Amino acid sequence: MTSMAARMRKGESRLLRPAQGAALTAGLLGFAVVAFAVPSAEMTAVSARKPSATSTPTATTTNPASTAPASGTTGALREQRLASPDRVVVRDDLGPVATFTVGSRTVGLRGPQRTFSESTTTARVISTTWVRLLAQPFKGTVDYGWLAARIGDTSEDVLELARQYVTGAPERRDAAGLRIAGDASYGPLQADGTRAEGSDFNDYLGMHWSYRTEVDQPETDQFGALDCSGYVRMVFGHRAGISMTLQPDGLALPRRAVQMSDSAPGVVVIPDSGTRPTSLAALLPGDLIFFDASTDDGTLIDHVGIYLGIDSAGAPRFLSSRKSADGPTMGDIRGRSTLSGTGLYATAFRAARRV
């Protein structure tokens, strides 16, 4: 509905499949070090650098009851319980196999190496992390049947879905001919030369969407466009299956970035203290990251992205949809898509949540 769109303008088993080889998995044992503590070595981009001392978990207990060696792994599988956030890391002798976070559906899995790149930056993210969603939030007990079915699975995961909308992404259509992916704009061009906010996932698709109490009609001038929160809702909601809402309810994925920060499903991994976090050690690929990037709304969260991993220059890189880049990007047009350094988004970074 047009009135609704106007209201939204402000917002934005134990048998595992074969591993991918010692050289590939060895990359999971370390992570790049930047000017401050960078994301955990559990599941992140490939690197051979030593981990920072600041990544040491606040509490660690290793389950002495390990599973038998699984196909394609080295040694028995073991569970390590870590804190901040509360999570279970399944390991073999080569390193992390999967990370399950209590209260979150997101699971980071070791898988085949792949490269994320874009024409708008020379940086690349070479990663062995695949991000998949459980049917329900993790409660603390690993389902090894589920894990066995996902290790080695190369079907589309959250990160693959996310890159299907960035600069230069090819068009994809479903069996009915509906365009479901492809290079997305941010929003319609305004008279002042800027891009308008308000483009949600159903505007990109050109279809209405029914919520519990109302129906949202697509805006014709926003067809093929996704603002920052619309991009997240397209990836995690429409494509990956997280339930969505227009008004925050603490259960579903809401419409605006500030609402996602406060009440999206999942768990907070970096709380919003009102200033730039001093450590990124808790971050894993697939986490939602939040920013206070605008100067016209006080200290409110006004931008959201998806953490991707450590790039080829050693910087923590993310994906987000931005006005200045006219849509989703991992690039550096009018602002680097990194959490390190002194750029706009690095200094505006405030919080993170694992859905």
Protein backbone atom coordinates (compact mmCIF):
# COMPACT_ATOMS: atom_id res chain seq x y z
CA MET A 1 0.00 0.00 0.00
CA THR A 2 1.30 3.45 -0.87
CA SER A 3 0.60 4.84 2.60
CA MET A 4 2.45 1.90 4.14
CA ALA A 5 5.42 2.38 1.85
CA ALA A 6 5.52 6.02 2.86
CA ARG A 7 5.69 5.00 6.50
CA MET A 8 8.60 2.72 5.70
CA ARG A 9 10.64 5.35 3.83
CA LYS A 10 12.73 6.12 6.93
CA GLY A 11 13.83 2.54 7.37
CA GLU A 12 15.49 0.92 5.79
CA SER A 13 24.69 -38.76 12.64
CA ARG A 14 27.69 -38.63 12.97
CA LEU A 15 28.77 -39.61 9.47
CA LEU A 16 29.98 -36.57 7.58
CA ARG A 17 30.59 -36.20 3.89
CA PRO A 18 34.22 -35.91 2.70
CA ALA A 19 36.07 -32.76 3.70
CA GLN A 20 37.70 -30.65 1.07
CA GLY A 21 41.34 -31.43 1.80
CA ALA A 22 43.94 -30.56 4.38
CA ALA A 23 45.21 -27.50 2.57
CA LEU A 24 41.72 -26.00 2.40
CA THR A 25 40.72 -26.80 5.97
CA ALA A 26 44.02 -25.66 7.39
CA GLY A 27 42.98 -22.16 6.36
CA LEU A 28 40.25 -22.28 8.97
CA LEU A 29 42.78 -22.42 11.77
CA GLY A 30 43.77 -18.77 11.58
CA PHE A 31 42.50 -15.35 10.63
CA ALA A 32 43.81 -12.00 9.61
CA VAL A 33 44.80 -9.37 12.16
CA VAL A 34 43.92 -5.73 11.55
CA ALA A 35 44.10 -2.70 13.80
CA PHE A 36 41.84 -4.31 16.39
CA ALA A 37 40.59 -7.79 17.20
CA VAL A 38 39.05 -9.29 14.07
CA PRO A 39 36.47 -12.04 13.67
CA SER A 40 36.91 -15.45 15.25
CA ALA A 41 38.83 -18.18 13.49
CA GLU A 42 35.92 -20.61 13.87
CA MET A 43 34.49 -19.99 10.42
CA THR A 44 35.89 -17.16 8.36
CA ALA A 45 37.83 -16.36 5.22
CA VAL A 46 40.95 -18.38 4.43
CA SER A 47 44.14 -17.09 6.03
CA ALA A 48 47.34 -18.55 7.40
CA ARG A 49 48.01 -15.77 9.87
CA LYS A 50 48.13 -16.32 13.59
CA PRO A 51 45.03 -15.59 15.69
CA SER A 52 45.00 -12.58 17.96
CA ALA A 53 45.11 -13.14 21.70
CA THR A 54 41.95 -11.09 22.00
CA SER A 55 39.99 -13.85 20.29
CA THR A 56 40.33 -16.14 23.32
CA PRO A 57 36.79 -17.13 24.44
CA THR A 58 35.56 -15.91 27.80
CA ALA A 59 34.61 -19.46 28.75
CA THR A 60 35.52 -22.79 27.17
CA THR A 61 34.55 -26.36 27.97
CA THR A 62 35.35 -29.27 25.70
CA ASN A 63 33.00 -32.23 25.70
CA PRO A 64 35.12 -35.27 26.60
CA ALA A 65 32.62 -37.58 24.88
CA SER A 66 33.67 -37.24 21.25
CA THR A 67 32.14 -38.98 18.26
CA ALA A 68 33.89 -41.57 16.14
CA PRO A 69 35.96 -40.40 13.15
CA ALA A 70 33.68 -39.46 10.30
CA SER A 71 34.16 -39.94 6.60
CA GLY A 72 36.47 -37.27 5.24
CA THR A 73 37.50 -35.92 8.65
CA THR A 74 40.69 -36.39 10.61
CA GLY A 75 40.23 -37.86 14.07
CA ALA A 76 37.12 -37.92 16.20
CA LEU A 77 34.59 -35.11 16.12
CA ARG A 78 34.56 -33.07 19.31
CA GLU A 79 32.25 -30.40 20.69
CA GLN A 80 33.68 -27.25 22.24
CA ARG A 81 31.38 -24.93 24.18
CA LEU A 82 32.26 -21.25 23.89
CA ALA A 83 30.75 -18.11 25.38
CA SER A 84 29.97 -14.58 24.15
CA PRO A 85 27.85 -15.70 22.39
CA ASP A 86 26.92 -19.09 23.80
CA ARG A 87 27.77 -21.57 21.05
CA VAL A 88 29.00 -25.07 20.23
CA VAL A 89 31.86 -25.57 17.78
CA VAL A 90 32.17 -29.04 16.28
CA ARG A 91 35.83 -29.78 15.49
CA ASP A 92 38.01 -32.49 14.04
CA ASP A 93 41.80 -32.66 14.19
CA LEU A 94 42.09 -30.11 11.37
CA GLY A 95 39.90 -27.48 13.01
CA PRO A 96 36.29 -26.24 13.04
CA VAL A 97 33.66 -28.21 11.14
CA ALA A 98 30.56 -26.23 12.19
CA THR A 99 29.48 -23.49 14.60
CA PHE A 100 26.03 -23.62 16.21
CA THR A 101 24.90 -20.60 18.27
CA VAL A 102 22.32 -20.99 21.03
CA GLY A 103 19.19 -19.03 20.12
CA SER A 104 20.17 -18.67 16.46
CA ARG A 105 19.19 -20.58 13.33
CA THR A 106 22.41 -19.63 11.55
CA VAL A 107 25.12 -22.31 11.26
CA GLY A 108 28.58 -21.72 9.81
CA LEU A 109 29.87 -24.84 8.04
CA ARG A 110 33.22 -25.81 6.57
CA GLY A 111 32.87 -26.41 2.85
CA PRO A 112 34.50 -26.02 -0.55
CA GLN A 113 36.57 -22.91 -1.09
CA ARG A 114 34.95 -20.14 -3.15
CA THR A 115 35.74 -16.56 -4.05
CA PHE A 116 33.50 -13.50 -3.69
CA SER A 117 34.44 -10.58 -5.93
CA GLU A 118 32.90 -7.58 -7.65
CA SER A 119 33.98 -5.14 -10.34
CA THR A 120 33.74 -2.20 -7.90
CA THR A 121 36.70 -3.35 -5.78
CA THR A 122 40.02 -5.11 -6.25
CA ALA A 123 39.54 -6.92 -2.94
CA ARG A 124 38.25 -10.49 -2.89
CA VAL A 125 36.97 -12.69 -0.11
CA ILE A 126 38.23 -16.28 -0.41
CA SER A 127 36.17 -18.34 2.00
CA THR A 128 35.50 -21.92 3.07
CA THR A 129 32.49 -20.94 5.19
CA TRP A 130 28.99 -21.85 4.05
CA VAL A 131 26.06 -20.36 5.97
CA ARG A 132 22.88 -22.39 6.39
CA LEU A 133 19.78 -22.13 8.56
CA LEU A 134 18.32 -24.61 11.02
CA ALA A 135 14.55 -25.13 11.01
CA GLN A 136 14.43 -23.80 14.59
CA PRO A 137 16.82 -21.83 16.81
CA PHE A 138 19.64 -23.97 18.22
CA LYS A 139 18.98 -25.13 21.80
CA GLY A 140 22.41 -26.54 22.65
CA THR A 141 22.31 -30.11 21.28
CA VAL A 142 23.93 -30.76 17.91
CA ASP A 143 21.86 -32.79 15.44
CA TYR A 144 24.55 -34.85 13.73
CA GLY A 145 22.08 -36.14 11.17
CA TRP A 146 21.44 -32.56 10.05
CA LEU A 147 25.16 -31.83 10.07
CA ALA A 148 26.04 -34.90 8.00
CA ALA A 149 23.52 -33.85 5.36
CA ARG A 150 24.99 -30.33 5.08
CA ILE A 151 28.73 -30.91 5.11
CA GLY A 152 29.86 -30.82 1.51
CA ASP A 153 26.48 -29.48 0.33
CA THR A 154 27.13 -26.92 -2.41
CA SER A 155 23.54 -25.83 -3.03
CA GLU A 156 22.76 -22.15 -2.57
CA ASP A 157 23.47 -20.91 0.96
CA VAL A 158 22.86 -17.50 2.56
CA LEU A 159 26.08 -15.98 1.20
CA GLU A 160 25.38 -17.23 -2.31
CA LEU A 161 21.87 -15.77 -2.16
CA ALA A 162 23.32 -12.46 -0.97
CA ARG A 163 25.69 -12.09 -3.93
CA GLN A 164 22.90 -12.71 -6.44
CA TYR A 165 21.85 -9.03 -6.12
CA VAL A 166 25.20 -7.20 -6.21
CA THR A 167 26.64 -5.10 -9.02
CA GLY A 168 26.83 -7.16 -12.19
CA ALA A 169 24.91 -10.16 -10.84
CA PRO A 170 23.13 -12.05 -13.64
CA GLU A 171 19.36 -12.21 -13.79
CA ARG A 172 17.65 -15.33 -12.41
CA ARG A 173 14.06 -16.40 -12.89
CA ASP A 174 11.94 -19.05 -11.25
CA ALA A 175 9.97 -21.76 -13.04
CA ALA A 176 7.07 -19.35 -13.54
CA GLY A 177 9.32 -16.76 -15.18
CA LEU A 178 9.39 -14.36 -12.20
CA ARG A 179 12.66 -12.52 -11.85
CA ILE A 180 13.89 -13.54 -8.39
CA ALA A 181 17.48 -12.28 -8.53
CA GLY A 182 19.88 -10.10 -10.47
CA ASP A 183 21.70 -6.77 -10.10
CA ALA A 184 19.40 -4.64 -7.91
CA SER A 185 19.03 -0.89 -7.75
CA TYR A 186 18.70 0.87 -4.38
CA GLY A 187 15.57 2.81 -5.29
CA PRO A 188 14.09 5.28 -7.77
CA LEU A 189 16.15 8.34 -8.72
CA GLN A 190 14.91 11.56 -7.11
CA ALA A 191 15.01 15.12 -8.41
CA ASP A 192 18.04 15.94 -6.27
CA GLY A 193 20.03 13.09 -7.81
CA THR A 194 19.82 10.77 -4.79
CA ARG A 195 18.08 7.42 -4.57
CA ALA A 196 14.82 7.10 -2.62
CA GLU A 197 14.53 4.74 0.35
CA GLY A 198 11.64 2.34 0.84
CA SER A 199 12.25 -0.52 -1.63
CA ASP A 200 11.41 -3.83 0.04
CA PHE A 201 11.84 -7.35 -1.32
CA ASN A 202 8.31 -7.48 -2.76
CA ASP A 203 8.89 -4.19 -4.58
CA TYR A 204 11.90 -5.79 -6.29
CA LEU A 205 9.73 -8.77 -7.25
CA GLY A 206 6.73 -6.67 -8.26
CA MET A 207 4.31 -8.73 -6.17
CA HIS A 208 2.04 -8.19 -3.17
CA TRP A 209 2.93 -9.80 0.15
CA SER A 210 0.42 -10.91 2.77
CA TYR A 211 1.21 -10.45 6.45
CA ARG A 212 -0.97 -11.56 9.35
CA THR A 213 -3.11 -8.44 9.42
CA GLU A 214 -2.40 -6.63 6.17
CA VAL A 215 -1.30 -6.90 2.56
CA ASP A 216 1.57 -4.84 1.20
CA GLN A 217 1.27 -3.92 -2.47
CA PRO A 218 4.44 -3.33 -4.51
CA GLU A 219 5.43 0.16 -5.59
CA THR A 220 5.79 0.20 -9.37
CA ASP A 221 8.66 2.71 -9.32
CA GLN A 222 10.61 0.44 -6.96
CA PHE A 223 10.53 -2.64 -9.18
CA GLY A 224 13.97 -4.27 -9.21
CA ALA A 225 15.15 -2.20 -6.22
CA LEU A 226 16.21 -3.08 -2.66
CA ASP A 227 17.15 -0.66 0.09
CA CYS A 228 19.46 -1.90 2.87
CA SER A 229 16.83 -3.62 5.01
CA GLY A 230 14.88 -4.74 1.93
CA TYR A 231 18.04 -6.49 0.75
CA VAL A 232 18.40 -8.33 4.08
CA ARG A 233 14.73 -9.30 3.98
CA MET A 234 15.12 -10.59 0.43
CA VAL A 235 18.09 -12.79 1.38
CA PHE A 236 17.13 -14.04 4.84
CA GLY A 237 13.38 -13.71 4.51
CA HIS A 238 12.00 -14.36 1.05
CA ARG A 239 14.86 -16.56 -0.19
CA ALA A 240 16.12 -18.32 2.97
CA GLY A 241 12.78 -18.64 4.75
CA ILE A 242 12.98 -16.49 7.90
CA SER A 243 9.50 -15.19 8.73
CA MET A 244 8.93 -11.47 8.21
CA THR A 245 6.78 -8.72 9.67
CA LEU A 246 6.20 -5.02 9.06
CA GLN A 247 6.02 -4.19 12.74
CA PRO A 248 8.56 -5.57 15.26
CA ASP A 249 7.34 -8.55 17.29
CA GLY A 250 10.60 -10.12 18.47
CA LEU A 251 9.92 -13.23 16.40
CA ALA A 252 10.07 -12.24 12.73
CA LEU A 253 12.36 -10.08 10.62
CA PRO A 254 11.03 -6.49 10.75
CA ARG A 255 11.15 -3.84 8.03
CA ARG A 256 13.72 -1.26 9.21
CA ALA A 257 17.39 -1.53 10.11
CA VAL A 258 16.87 -0.04 13.59
CA GLN A 259 14.07 -2.54 14.23
CA MET A 260 16.24 -5.45 13.10
CA SER A 261 18.97 -4.37 15.49
CA ASP A 262 16.52 -4.26 18.39
CA SER A 263 14.13 -7.14 17.76
CA ALA A 264 15.05 -9.39 14.84
CA PRO A 265 15.12 -13.12 15.61
CA GLY A 266 18.40 -14.62 16.78
CA VAL A 267 20.99 -13.36 19.26
CA VAL A 268 23.08 -10.24 19.68
CA VAL A 269 26.76 -11.04 19.12
CA ILE A 270 28.05 -7.46 19.43
CA PRO A 271 25.81 -5.17 21.54
CA ASP A 272 25.21 -1.56 20.57
CA SER A 273 27.09 0.62 23.06
CA GLY A 274 26.60 3.76 20.98
CA THR A 275 30.22 3.73 19.82
CA ARG A 276 32.40 1.72 17.44
CA PRO A 277 33.14 -1.77 18.85
CA THR A 278 36.77 -2.34 19.81
CA SER A 279 36.66 -6.05 18.94
CA LEU A 280 35.17 -7.98 16.04
CA ALA A 281 36.18 -11.38 17.44
CA ALA A 282 32.56 -12.53 17.83
CA LEU A 283 31.68 -12.01 14.15
CA LEU A 284 31.06 -14.89 11.76
CA PRO A 285 30.10 -14.76 8.06
CA GLY A 286 26.34 -14.31 7.68
CA ASP A 287 25.93 -12.09 10.74
CA LEU A 288 23.81 -8.97 10.35
CA ILE A 289 25.85 -5.85 11.06
CA PHE A 290 24.40 -2.47 11.97
CA PHE A 291 25.57 1.11 11.45
CA ASP A 292 24.83 4.67 12.48
CA ALA A 293 25.93 6.10 9.14
CA SER A 294 23.56 9.05 8.71
CA THR A 295 23.90 12.43 10.40
CA ASP A 296 20.23 13.42 10.17
CA ASP A 297 18.70 10.95 12.63
CA GLY A 298 20.74 11.33 15.79
CA THR A 299 22.32 8.13 17.07
CA LEU A 300 19.75 5.72 15.65
CA ILE A 301 20.82 2.65 13.70
CA ASP A 302 20.11 3.52 10.07
CA HIS A 303 21.96 0.94 7.97
CA VAL A 304 22.27 -2.86 7.93
CA GLY A 305 24.53 -5.25 6.04
CA ILE A 306 25.67 -8.88 5.95
CA TYR A 307 29.16 -9.78 7.14
CA LEU A 308 31.09 -11.68 4.46
CA GLY A 309 34.58 -12.36 5.85
CA ILE A 310 38.21 -11.26 5.73
CA ASP A 311 39.19 -9.96 2.30
CA SER A 312 42.44 -10.32 0.35
CA ALA A 313 43.79 -7.14 1.95
CA GLY A 314 43.15 -8.45 5.47
CA ALA A 315 40.08 -6.29 6.10
CA PRO A 316 36.69 -7.52 7.42
CA ARG A 317 34.34 -7.00 4.45
CA PHE A 318 30.56 -6.90 4.24
CA LEU A 319 27.68 -6.67 1.77
CA SER A 320 24.97 -4.02 1.94
CA SER A 321 22.63 -2.03 -0.27
CA ARG A 322 23.59 1.65 -0.41
CA LYS A 323 22.28 4.78 -2.07
CA SER A 324 25.73 5.87 -3.21
CA ALA A 325 26.36 2.53 -4.94
CA ASP A 326 22.76 2.27 -6.20
CA GLY A 327 22.13 -1.11 -4.67
CA PRO A 328 23.74 -4.12 -3.00
CA THR A 329 27.53 -4.22 -3.13
CA MET A 330 30.69 -5.55 -1.49
CA GLY A 331 32.60 -2.80 -3.26
CA ASP A 332 34.18 0.51 -2.35
CA ILE A 333 32.23 3.11 -4.32
CA ARG A 334 31.86 6.22 -2.12
CA GLY A 335 32.79 4.29 1.00
CA ARG A 336 34.72 1.08 1.60
CA SER A 337 32.66 -1.99 2.53
CA THR A 338 34.99 -2.82 5.41
CA LEU A 339 34.84 -2.66 9.21
CA SER A 340 38.49 -1.67 9.65
CA GLY A 341 40.19 1.63 8.96
CA THR A 342 38.79 5.13 9.10
CA GLY A 343 36.15 5.03 6.39
CA LEU A 344 32.49 5.93 6.81
CA TYR A 345 31.18 2.43 7.46
CA ALA A 346 34.10 1.34 9.63
CA THR A 347 33.60 4.29 11.97
CA ALA A 348 29.79 4.01 11.82
CA PHE A 349 29.70 0.30 12.75
CA ARG A 350 27.80 -0.27 16.01
CA ALA A 351 26.40 -3.79 16.50
CA ALA A 352 25.86 -7.31 15.14
CA ARG A 353 23.18 -9.99 15.38
CA ARG A 354 23.14 -13.67 14.36
CA VAL A 355 19.71 -14.55 12.98
